[in-house]
Amino acid sequence: MMLTVRKTISRMSRNFVFEQNNAATRTALLNMVNNYLGSVQAANGINEFRASIEEGADLVDRNVIKGKIFLKPTTVAEIIIFDFTLTPQGASFSE
């Protein structure tokens, strides 16, 4: 799941290469990432997420948009254990 999220966001962000590096572009990119991660969360892929894009004149001067994404994945059952017990013929099962 994490590989899929990473590949999808990478593919989506390619649409912003060579776009104007201004607040509107950064906001549009952040909204796209948040919408996608929201859909992953709605499908129980992650519990929580936070995405942010750094601001700064030095990044704009270097033609860079830099962001951070924090994900809290859902917990999954990796091991399932059943205990089996053999009982004699006269035993009764109470609930």
Protein backbone atom coordinates (compact mmCIF):
# COMPACT_ATOMS: atom_id res chain seq x y z
CA MET A 1 0.00 0.00 0.00
CA MET A 2 2.77 2.41 0.89
CA LEU A 3 4.49 1.76 -2.45
CA THR A 4 1.25 2.51 -4.27
CA VAL A 5 0.76 5.77 -2.37
CA ARG A 6 4.33 6.83 -3.11
CA LYS A 7 4.08 5.99 -6.82
CA THR A 8 0.71 7.69 -7.19
CA ILE A 9 1.83 10.92 -5.54
CA SER A 10 5.02 10.88 -7.60
CA ARG A 11 3.00 10.45 -10.79
CA MET A 12 0.55 13.20 -9.78
CA SER A 13 3.32 15.64 -8.94
CA ARG A 14 4.83 15.32 -12.42
CA ASN A 15 1.97 17.48 -13.67
CA PHE A 16 3.45 20.38 -11.74
CA VAL A 17 6.97 20.24 -13.21
CA PHE A 18 7.71 23.44 -15.17
CA GLU A 19 4.66 25.19 -13.72
CA GLN A 20 5.02 28.58 -12.05
CA ASN A 21 6.56 28.19 -8.59
CA ASN A 22 4.08 30.41 -6.79
CA ALA A 23 1.63 30.08 -3.92
CA ALA A 24 -1.24 29.06 -6.21
CA THR A 25 0.74 26.16 -7.71
CA ARG A 26 1.93 24.97 -4.31
CA THR A 27 -1.61 25.14 -2.95
CA ALA A 28 -2.98 23.21 -5.96
CA LEU A 29 -0.33 20.50 -5.47
CA LEU A 30 -1.04 20.27 -1.74
CA ASN A 31 -4.80 20.05 -2.38
CA MET A 32 -4.26 17.25 -4.89
CA VAL A 33 -2.11 15.31 -2.42
CA ASN A 34 -4.59 15.87 0.44
CA ASN A 35 -7.53 14.76 -1.71
CA TYR A 36 -5.74 11.59 -2.75
CA LEU A 37 -4.62 10.76 0.80
CA GLY A 38 -8.15 11.47 2.02
CA SER A 39 -9.48 8.85 -0.39
CA VAL A 40 -6.87 6.36 0.81
CA GLN A 41 -7.90 7.09 4.40
CA ALA A 42 -11.60 6.66 3.51
CA ALA A 43 -10.76 3.22 2.09
CA ASN A 44 -9.04 2.31 5.41
CA GLY A 45 -5.56 2.35 3.88
CA ILE A 46 -4.18 4.78 6.45
CA ASN A 47 -5.38 6.00 9.84
CA GLU A 48 -4.05 9.55 9.65
CA PHE A 49 -1.93 11.72 7.40
CA ARG A 50 -0.48 15.18 7.18
CA ALA A 51 1.00 16.81 4.12
CA SER A 52 2.78 20.14 3.95
CA ILE A 53 4.79 22.14 1.45
CA GLU A 54 7.70 24.24 2.60
CA GLU A 55 7.72 27.93 1.79
CA GLY A 56 10.79 30.00 1.21
CA ALA A 57 12.43 32.31 -1.26
CA ASP A 58 15.52 30.10 -1.38
CA LEU A 59 13.43 27.17 -2.67
CA VAL A 60 11.77 29.37 -5.29
CA ASP A 61 15.19 30.67 -6.38
CA ARG A 62 16.39 27.06 -6.79
CA ASN A 63 13.19 26.15 -8.74
CA VAL A 64 12.19 23.60 -6.10
CA ILE A 65 8.87 22.70 -4.50
CA LYS A 66 9.60 20.67 -1.39
CA GLY A 67 7.00 18.90 0.68
CA LYS A 68 6.67 16.42 3.51
CA ILE A 69 4.09 13.69 3.96
CA PHE A 70 3.50 11.92 7.26
CA LEU A 71 1.42 8.74 7.20
CA LYS A 72 0.08 6.59 10.01
CA PRO A 73 -0.77 3.23 8.40
CA THR A 74 -3.61 1.07 9.57
CA THR A 75 -2.74 -1.94 11.65
CA VAL A 76 -3.34 -5.31 10.08
CA ALA A 77 -3.69 -8.85 11.33
CA GLU A 78 -0.49 -10.61 10.33
CA ILE A 79 -1.02 -13.70 12.45
CA ILE A 80 -4.29 -15.48 13.18
CA ILE A 81 -4.33 -18.08 15.95
CA PHE A 82 -7.06 -20.61 16.70
CA ASP A 83 -6.81 -23.03 19.62
CA PHE A 84 -8.37 -26.42 18.93
CA THR A 85 -9.52 -28.61 21.81
CA LEU A 86 -10.74 -32.18 21.53
CA THR A 87 -13.47 -33.06 24.01
CA PRO A 88 -15.05 -36.40 24.97
CA GLN A 89 -18.39 -37.47 23.46
CA GLY A 90 -20.46 -36.56 26.53
CA ALA A 91 -19.17 -32.97 26.77
CA SER A 92 -21.56 -30.08 26.22
CA PHE A 93 -20.64 -26.66 24.95
CA SER A 94 -21.93 -23.68 26.85
CA GLU A 95 -21.87 -20.25 25.33
